[in-house]
Amino acid sequence: MNRLFNEHPNSVGESYSEHMGVAFGFGFRMVLAGLACLVHGVLPFLFVKTGSRTINVLHDRMVAQRVRKPGPTPEAGRAAA
C-alpha cells in the first residue's frame, strides 16, 4: 500500500507531502485558468491570454525547468520489500 502513495512522488524526487503541495498548486492554477477561459468564452475581451499563459507557465515549471532530485533506485525499493 505504501508503494501506491510513494512510487510516483519518489520518481520525481519528492516526498508524498512535497508532491501533494506541488500538485495542489498546479491544480489551483489550472482551475483558475479554466474559469477565466469560461468567462472569456462569453466575454471575449476579458482574459484574452490567461489560458495560454497559464499553460506555458505550468509547462515550464513541470517540464522545461524542472530539476529532478535523485530518488531511490528501483533496486533499493525491491530490497526493502
PDB file of N, CA and C in Angstrom:
ATOM      1  N   MET A   1       0.832  -1.199   0.000  1.00  0.00           N
ATOM      2  CA  MET A   1       0.000   0.000   0.000  1.00  0.00           C
ATOM      3  C   MET A   1       0.874   1.259   0.000  1.00  0.00           C
ATOM      4  N   ASN A   2       1.934   1.239   0.763  1.00  0.00           N
ATOM      5  CA  ASN A   2       2.840   2.393   0.829  1.00  0.00           C
ATOM      6  C   ASN A   2       3.394   2.726  -0.557  1.00  0.00           C
ATOM      7  N   ARG A   3       3.661   1.699  -1.358  1.00  0.00           N
ATOM      8  CA  ARG A   3       4.199   1.895  -2.697  1.00  0.00           C
ATOM      9  C   ARG A   3       3.236   2.696  -3.565  1.00  0.00           C
ATOM     10  N   LEU A   4       1.924   2.458  -3.413  1.00  0.00           N
ATOM     11  CA  LEU A   4       0.936   3.187  -4.209  1.00  0.00           C
ATOM     12  C   LEU A   4       1.024   4.694  -3.977  1.00  0.00           C
ATOM     13  N   PHE A   5       1.300   5.103  -2.754  1.00  0.00           N
ATOM     14  CA  PHE A   5       1.344   6.517  -2.418  1.00  0.00           C
ATOM     15  C   PHE A   5       2.704   7.161  -2.666  1.00  0.00           C
ATOM     16  N   ASN A   6       3.749   6.363  -2.761  1.00  0.00           N
ATOM     17  CA  ASN A   6       5.090   6.936  -2.842  1.00  0.00           C
ATOM     18  C   ASN A   6       5.846   6.684  -4.139  1.00  0.00           C
ATOM     19  N   GLU A   7       5.410   5.747  -4.953  1.00  0.00           N
ATOM     20  CA  GLU A   7       6.171   5.404  -6.158  1.00  0.00           C
ATOM     21  C   GLU A   7       6.333   6.603  -7.093  1.00  0.00           C
ATOM     22  N   HIS A   8       5.242   7.270  -7.447  1.00  0.00           N
ATOM     23  CA  HIS A   8       5.345   8.406  -8.365  1.00  0.00           C
ATOM     24  C   HIS A   8       6.068   9.593  -7.726  1.00  0.00           C
ATOM     25  N   PRO A   9       5.706  10.025  -6.499  1.00  0.00           N
ATOM     26  CA  PRO A   9       6.466  11.137  -5.910  1.00  0.00           C
ATOM     27  C   PRO A   9       7.968  10.850  -5.849  1.00  0.00           C
ATOM     28  N   ASN A  10       8.329   9.627  -5.482  1.00  0.00           N
ATOM     29  CA  ASN A  10       9.753   9.268  -5.444  1.00  0.00           C
ATOM     30  C   ASN A  10      10.380   9.349  -6.831  1.00  0.00           C
ATOM     31  N   SER A  11       9.614   9.014  -7.873  1.00  0.00           N
ATOM     32  CA  SER A  11      10.169   9.021  -9.231  1.00  0.00           C
ATOM     33  C   SER A  11      10.517  10.429  -9.698  1.00  0.00           C
ATOM     34  N   VAL A  12       9.906  11.440  -9.094  1.00  0.00           N
ATOM     35  CA  VAL A  12      10.232  12.824  -9.439  1.00  0.00           C
ATOM     36  C   VAL A  12      11.027  13.504  -8.335  1.00  0.00           C
ATOM     37  N   GLY A  13      11.532  12.705  -7.385  1.00  0.00           N
ATOM     38  CA  GLY A  13      12.408  13.240  -6.346  1.00  0.00           C
ATOM     39  C   GLY A  13      11.695  14.029  -5.273  1.00  0.00           C
ATOM     40  N   GLU A  14      10.443  13.708  -4.998  1.00  0.00           N
ATOM     41  CA  GLU A  14       9.686  14.424  -3.978  1.00  0.00           C
ATOM     42  C   GLU A  14       9.131  13.441  -2.960  1.00  0.00           C
ATOM     43  N   SER A  15       8.906  13.948  -1.760  1.00  0.00           N
ATOM     44  CA  SER A  15       8.192  13.150  -0.775  1.00  0.00           C
ATOM     45  C   SER A  15       6.707  13.222  -1.112  1.00  0.00           C
ATOM     46  N   TYR A  16       5.908  12.410  -0.429  1.00  0.00           N
ATOM     47  CA  TYR A  16       4.467  12.432  -0.657  1.00  0.00           C
ATOM     48  C   TYR A  16       3.907  13.824  -0.385  1.00  0.00           C
ATOM     49  N   SER A  17       4.277  14.428   0.740  1.00  0.00           N
ATOM     50  CA  SER A  17       3.730  15.743   1.097  1.00  0.00           C
ATOM     51  C   SER A  17       4.234  16.838   0.151  1.00  0.00           C
ATOM     52  N   GLU A  18       5.501  16.767  -0.280  1.00  0.00           N
ATOM     53  CA  GLU A  18       6.001  17.740  -1.258  1.00  0.00           C
ATOM     54  C   GLU A  18       5.215  17.630  -2.559  1.00  0.00           C
ATOM     55  N   HIS A  19       5.004  16.399  -3.012  1.00  0.00           N
ATOM     56  CA  HIS A  19       4.296  16.177  -4.262  1.00  0.00           C
ATOM     57  C   HIS A  19       2.847  16.660  -4.157  1.00  0.00           C
ATOM     58  N   MET A  20       2.221  16.425  -3.017  1.00  0.00           N
ATOM     59  CA  MET A  20       0.850  16.882  -2.822  1.00  0.00           C
ATOM     60  C   MET A  20       0.780  18.405  -2.917  1.00  0.00           C
ATOM     61  N   GLY A  21       1.719  19.097  -2.306  1.00  0.00           N
ATOM     62  CA  GLY A  21       1.740  20.555  -2.366  1.00  0.00           C
ATOM     63  C   GLY A  21       1.917  21.070  -3.778  1.00  0.00           C
ATOM     64  N   VAL A  22       2.838  20.466  -4.506  1.00  0.00           N
ATOM     65  CA  VAL A  22       3.072  20.880  -5.899  1.00  0.00           C
ATOM     66  C   VAL A  22       1.833  20.598  -6.745  1.00  0.00           C
ATOM     67  N   ALA A  23       1.245  19.424  -6.578  1.00  0.00           N
ATOM     68  CA  ALA A  23       0.052  19.067  -7.358  1.00  0.00           C
ATOM     69  C   ALA A  23      -1.120  19.990  -7.026  1.00  0.00           C
ATOM     70  N   PHE A  24      -1.311  20.310  -5.747  1.00  0.00           N
ATOM     71  CA  PHE A  24      -2.379  21.240  -5.364  1.00  0.00           C
ATOM     72  C   PHE A  24      -2.151  22.608  -5.997  1.00  0.00           C
ATOM     73  N   GLY A  25      -0.909  23.066  -6.002  1.00  0.00           N
ATOM     74  CA  GLY A  25      -0.590  24.356  -6.615  1.00  0.00           C
ATOM     75  C   GLY A  25      -0.908  24.370  -8.101  1.00  0.00           C
ATOM     76  N   PHE A  26      -0.516  23.296  -8.798  1.00  0.00           N
ATOM     77  CA  PHE A  26      -0.814  23.186 -10.223  1.00  0.00           C
ATOM     78  C   PHE A  26      -2.322  23.129 -10.439  1.00  0.00           C
ATOM     79  N   GLY A  27      -3.000  22.316  -9.655  1.00  0.00           N
ATOM     80  CA  GLY A  27      -4.446  22.167  -9.803  1.00  0.00           C
ATOM     81  C   GLY A  27      -5.177  23.475  -9.585  1.00  0.00           C
ATOM     82  N   PHE A  28      -4.782  24.226  -8.564  1.00  0.00           N
ATOM     83  CA  PHE A  28      -5.414  25.505  -8.268  1.00  0.00           C
ATOM     84  C   PHE A  28      -5.242  26.471  -9.432  1.00  0.00           C
ATOM     85  N   ARG A  29      -4.013  26.539  -9.968  1.00  0.00           N
ATOM     86  CA  ARG A  29      -3.753  27.427 -11.119  1.00  0.00           C
ATOM     87  C   ARG A  29      -4.580  27.002 -12.331  1.00  0.00           C
ATOM     88  N   MET A  30      -4.715  25.681 -12.537  1.00  0.00           N
ATOM     89  CA  MET A  30      -5.481  25.184 -13.674  1.00  0.00           C
ATOM     90  C   MET A  30      -6.970  25.489 -13.520  1.00  0.00           C
ATOM     91  N   VAL A  31      -7.504  25.363 -12.306  1.00  0.00           N
ATOM     92  CA  VAL A  31      -8.919  25.681 -12.073  1.00  0.00           C
ATOM     93  C   VAL A  31      -9.172  27.160 -12.348  1.00  0.00           C
ATOM     94  N   LEU A  32      -8.307  28.027 -11.816  1.00  0.00           N
ATOM     95  CA  LEU A  32      -8.479  29.464 -12.052  1.00  0.00           C
ATOM     96  C   LEU A  32      -8.400  29.798 -13.544  1.00  0.00           C
ATOM     97  N   ALA A  33      -7.436  29.202 -14.231  1.00  0.00           N
ATOM     98  CA  ALA A  33      -7.302  29.453 -15.669  1.00  0.00           C
ATOM     99  C   ALA A  33      -8.515  28.918 -16.421  1.00  0.00           C
ATOM    100  N   GLY A  34      -9.038  27.775 -15.985  1.00  0.00           N
ATOM    101  CA  GLY A  34     -10.236  27.224 -16.618  1.00  0.00           C
ATOM    102  C   GLY A  34     -11.433  28.140 -16.446  1.00  0.00           C
ATOM    103  N   LEU A  35     -11.584  28.687 -15.254  1.00  0.00           N
ATOM    104  CA  LEU A  35     -12.676  29.639 -15.020  1.00  0.00           C
ATOM    105  C   LEU A  35     -12.504  30.879 -15.897  1.00  0.00           C
ATOM    106  N   ALA A  36     -11.269  31.355 -15.997  1.00  0.00           N
ATOM    107  CA  ALA A  36     -11.007  32.511 -16.858  1.00  0.00           C
ATOM    108  C   ALA A  36     -11.362  32.189 -18.308  1.00  0.00           C
ATOM    109  N   CYS A  37     -11.078  30.969 -18.759  1.00  0.00           N
ATOM    110  CA  CYS A  37     -11.416  30.576 -20.134  1.00  0.00           C
ATOM    111  C   CYS A  37     -12.925  30.539 -20.342  1.00  0.00           C
ATOM    112  N   LEU A  38     -13.656  30.076 -19.330  1.00  0.00           N
ATOM    113  CA  LEU A  38     -15.113  30.060 -19.440  1.00  0.00           C
ATOM    114  C   LEU A  38     -15.671  31.479 -19.543  1.00  0.00           C
ATOM    115  N   VAL A  39     -15.144  32.387 -18.738  1.00  0.00           N
ATOM    116  CA  VAL A  39     -15.565  33.786 -18.812  1.00  0.00           C
ATOM    117  C   VAL A  39     -15.186  34.359 -20.178  1.00  0.00           C
ATOM    118  N   HIS A  40     -13.996  34.037 -20.643  1.00  0.00           N
ATOM    119  CA  HIS A  40     -13.524  34.517 -21.948  1.00  0.00           C
ATOM    120  C   HIS A  40     -14.450  34.059 -23.082  1.00  0.00           C
ATOM    121  N   GLY A  41     -14.987  32.855 -22.949  1.00  0.00           N
ATOM    122  CA  GLY A  41     -15.900  32.363 -23.979  1.00  0.00           C
ATOM    123  C   GLY A  41     -17.138  33.236 -24.124  1.00  0.00           C
ATOM    124  N   VAL A  42     -17.610  33.780 -23.004  1.00  0.00           N
ATOM    125  CA  VAL A  42     -18.800  34.628 -23.023  1.00  0.00           C
ATOM    126  C   VAL A  42     -18.438  36.083 -23.301  1.00  0.00           C
ATOM    127  N   LEU A  43     -17.342  36.523 -22.715  1.00  0.00           N
ATOM    128  CA  LEU A  43     -16.888  37.912 -22.847  1.00  0.00           C
ATOM    129  C   LEU A  43     -15.474  37.892 -23.431  1.00  0.00           C
ATOM    130  N   PRO A  44     -15.358  37.771 -24.749  1.00  0.00           N
ATOM    131  CA  PRO A  44     -14.065  37.523 -25.381  1.00  0.00           C
ATOM    132  C   PRO A  44     -13.028  38.626 -25.213  1.00  0.00           C
ATOM    133  N   PHE A  45     -13.412  39.746 -24.709  1.00  0.00           N
ATOM    134  CA  PHE A  45     -12.458  40.828 -24.476  1.00  0.00           C
ATOM    135  C   PHE A  45     -11.795  40.705 -23.108  1.00  0.00           C
ATOM    136  N   LEU A  46     -12.238  39.761 -22.280  1.00  0.00           N
ATOM    137  CA  LEU A  46     -11.622  39.521 -20.973  1.00  0.00           C
ATOM    138  C   LEU A  46     -10.748  38.268 -21.028  1.00  0.00           C
ATOM    139  N   PHE A  47      -9.690  38.257 -20.248  1.00  0.00           N
ATOM    140  CA  PHE A  47      -8.809  37.089 -20.088  1.00  0.00           C
ATOM    141  C   PHE A  47      -8.327  36.545 -21.433  1.00  0.00           C
ATOM    142  N   VAL A  48      -7.914  37.443 -22.310  1.00  0.00           N
ATOM    143  CA  VAL A  48      -7.530  37.076 -23.672  1.00  0.00           C
ATOM    144  C   VAL A  48      -6.341  36.111 -23.697  1.00  0.00           C
ATOM    145  N   LYS A  49      -5.378  36.292 -22.816  1.00  0.00           N
ATOM    146  CA  LYS A  49      -4.167  35.456 -22.843  1.00  0.00           C
ATOM    147  C   LYS A  49      -4.007  34.595 -21.598  1.00  0.00           C
ATOM    148  N   THR A  50      -4.966  34.618 -20.698  1.00  0.00           N
ATOM    149  CA  THR A  50      -4.817  33.931 -19.406  1.00  0.00           C
ATOM    150  C   THR A  50      -4.622  32.429 -19.566  1.00  0.00           C
ATOM    151  N   GLY A  51      -5.444  31.785 -20.383  1.00  0.00           N
ATOM    152  CA  GLY A  51      -5.342  30.333 -20.555  1.00  0.00           C
ATOM    153  C   GLY A  51      -4.006  29.908 -21.143  1.00  0.00           C
ATOM    154  N   SER A  52      -3.614  30.524 -22.246  1.00  0.00           N
ATOM    155  CA  SER A  52      -2.360  30.133 -22.902  1.00  0.00           C
ATOM    156  C   SER A  52      -1.149  30.489 -22.043  1.00  0.00           C
ATOM    157  N   ARG A  53      -1.210  31.618 -21.358  1.00  0.00           N
ATOM    158  CA  ARG A  53      -0.096  32.000 -20.491  1.00  0.00           C
ATOM    159  C   ARG A  53       0.040  31.010 -19.325  1.00  0.00           C
ATOM    160  N   THR A  54      -1.080  30.604 -18.750  1.00  0.00           N
ATOM    161  CA  THR A  54      -1.040  29.640 -17.645  1.00  0.00           C
ATOM    162  C   THR A  54      -0.463  28.314 -18.111  1.00  0.00           C
ATOM    163  N   ILE A  55      -0.876  27.853 -19.282  1.00  0.00           N
ATOM    164  CA  ILE A  55      -0.344  26.598 -19.825  1.00  0.00           C
ATOM    165  C   ILE A  55       1.166  26.702 -20.008  1.00  0.00           C
ATOM    166  N   ASN A  56       1.640  27.804 -20.551  1.00  0.00           N
ATOM    167  CA  ASN A  56       3.082  27.978 -20.763  1.00  0.00           C
ATOM    168  C   ASN A  56       3.843  28.001 -19.441  1.00  0.00           C
ATOM    169  N   VAL A  57       3.323  28.720 -18.450  1.00  0.00           N
ATOM    170  CA  VAL A  57       3.991  28.795 -17.143  1.00  0.00           C
ATOM    171  C   VAL A  57       4.040  27.419 -16.489  1.00  0.00           C
ATOM    172  N   LEU A  58       2.909  26.713 -16.495  1.00  0.00           N
ATOM    173  CA  LEU A  58       2.884  25.393 -15.866  1.00  0.00           C
ATOM    174  C   LEU A  58       3.775  24.404 -16.610  1.00  0.00           C
ATOM    175  N   HIS A  59       3.797  24.483 -17.930  1.00  0.00           N
ATOM    176  CA  HIS A  59       4.685  23.602 -18.699  1.00  0.00           C
ATOM    177  C   HIS A  59       6.146  23.872 -18.336  1.00  0.00           C
ATOM    178  N   ASP A  60       6.504  25.148 -18.268  1.00  0.00           N
ATOM    179  CA  ASP A  60       7.888  25.487 -17.908  1.00  0.00           C
ATOM    180  C   ASP A  60       8.229  24.959 -16.519  1.00  0.00           C
ATOM    181  N   ARG A  61       7.325  25.113 -15.568  1.00  0.00           N
ATOM    182  CA  ARG A  61       7.593  24.633 -14.211  1.00  0.00           C
ATOM    183  C   ARG A  61       7.666  23.116 -14.155  1.00  0.00           C
ATOM    184  N   MET A  62       6.816  22.438 -14.907  1.00  0.00           N
ATOM    185  CA  MET A  62       6.744  20.981 -14.793  1.00  0.00           C
ATOM    186  C   MET A  62       7.782  20.274 -15.657  1.00  0.00           C
ATOM    187  N   VAL A  63       8.047  20.797 -16.839  1.00  0.00           N
ATOM    188  CA  VAL A  63       8.872  20.062 -17.798  1.00  0.00           C
ATOM    189  C   VAL A  63      10.184  20.766 -18.105  1.00  0.00           C
ATOM    190  N   ALA A  64      10.107  21.979 -18.583  1.00  0.00           N
ATOM    191  CA  ALA A  64      11.282  22.648 -19.128  1.00  0.00           C
ATOM    192  C   ALA A  64      12.311  23.011 -18.068  1.00  0.00           C
ATOM    193  N   GLN A  65      11.887  23.445 -16.890  1.00  0.00           N
ATOM    194  CA  GLN A  65      12.830  23.923 -15.884  1.00  0.00           C
ATOM    195  C   GLN A  65      12.941  23.016 -14.666  1.00  0.00           C
ATOM    196  N   ARG A  66      12.262  21.900 -14.674  1.00  0.00           N
ATOM    197  CA  ARG A  66      12.264  21.019 -13.509  1.00  0.00           C
ATOM    198  C   ARG A  66      13.654  20.442 -13.278  1.00  0.00           C
ATOM    199  N   VAL A  67      14.112  20.557 -12.066  1.00  0.00           N
ATOM    200  CA  VAL A  67      15.360  19.937 -11.657  1.00  0.00           C
ATOM    201  C   VAL A  67      14.982  18.687 -10.886  1.00  0.00           C
ATOM    202  N   ARG A  68      15.237  17.557 -11.480  1.00  0.00           N
ATOM    203  CA  ARG A  68      14.884  16.303 -10.822  1.00  0.00           C
ATOM    204  C   ARG A  68      15.905  15.980  -9.749  1.00  0.00           C
ATOM    205  N   LYS A  69      15.392  15.738  -8.559  1.00  0.00           N
ATOM    206  CA  LYS A  69      16.247  15.302  -7.464  1.00  0.00           C
ATOM    207  C   LYS A  69      16.435  13.797  -7.607  1.00  0.00           C
ATOM    208  N   PRO A  70      17.593  13.297  -7.265  1.00  0.00           N
ATOM    209  CA  PRO A  70      17.773  11.846  -7.365  1.00  0.00           C
ATOM    210  C   PRO A  70      16.874  11.136  -6.359  1.00  0.00           C
ATOM    211  N   GLY A  71      16.097  10.201  -6.855  1.00  0.00           N
ATOM    212  CA  GLY A  71      15.226   9.410  -5.982  1.00  0.00           C
ATOM    213  C   GLY A  71      15.858   8.053  -5.759  1.00  0.00           C
ATOM    214  N   PRO A  72      15.208   7.250  -4.931  1.00  0.00           N
ATOM    215  CA  PRO A  72      15.730   5.902  -4.708  1.00  0.00           C
ATOM    216  C   PRO A  72      15.659   5.076  -5.984  1.00  0.00           C
ATOM    217  N   THR A  73      16.607   4.205  -6.150  1.00  0.00           N
ATOM    218  CA  THR A  73      16.628   3.341  -7.335  1.00  0.00           C
ATOM    219  C   THR A  73      15.577   2.253  -7.167  1.00  0.00           C
ATOM    220  N   PRO A  74      15.050   1.720  -8.269  1.00  0.00           N
ATOM    221  CA  PRO A  74      14.063   0.651  -8.166  1.00  0.00           C
ATOM    222  C   PRO A  74      14.601  -0.560  -7.411  1.00  0.00           C
ATOM    223  N   GLU A  75      15.904  -0.833  -7.551  1.00  0.00           N
ATOM    224  CA  GLU A  75      16.500  -1.969  -6.862  1.00  0.00           C
ATOM    225  C   GLU A  75      16.448  -1.784  -5.343  1.00  0.00           C
ATOM    226  N   ALA A  76      16.646  -0.553  -4.875  1.00  0.00           N
ATOM    227  CA  ALA A  76      16.604  -0.289  -3.434  1.00  0.00           C
ATOM    228  C   ALA A  76      15.209  -0.539  -2.894  1.00  0.00           C
ATOM    229  N   GLY A  77      14.176  -0.208  -3.684  1.00  0.00           N
ATOM    230  CA  GLY A  77      12.800  -0.435  -3.265  1.00  0.00           C
ATOM    231  C   GLY A  77      12.472  -1.904  -3.171  1.00  0.00           C
ATOM    232  N   ARG A  78      13.024  -2.714  -4.109  1.00  0.00           N
ATOM    233  CA  ARG A  78      12.779  -4.160  -4.078  1.00  0.00           C
ATOM    234  C   ARG A  78      13.497  -4.818  -2.915  1.00  0.00           C
ATOM    235  N   ALA A  79      14.679  -4.316  -2.571  1.00  0.00           N
ATOM    236  CA  ALA A  79      15.442  -4.916  -1.485  1.00  0.00           C
ATOM    237  C   ALA A  79      14.753  -4.673  -0.147  1.00  0.00           C
ATOM    238  N   ALA A  80      14.081  -3.525  -0.007  1.00  0.00           N
ATOM    239  CA  ALA A  80      13.415  -3.199   1.252  1.00  0.00           C
ATOM    240  C   ALA A  80      12.098  -3.948   1.400  1.00  0.00           C
ATOM    241  N   ALA A  81      11.521  -4.385   0.291  1.00  0.00           N
ATOM    242  CA  ALA A  81      10.213  -5.029   0.337  1.00  0.00           C
ATOM    243  C   ALA A  81      10.248  -6.445   0.797  1.00  0.00           C
TER     244      ALA A  81
END
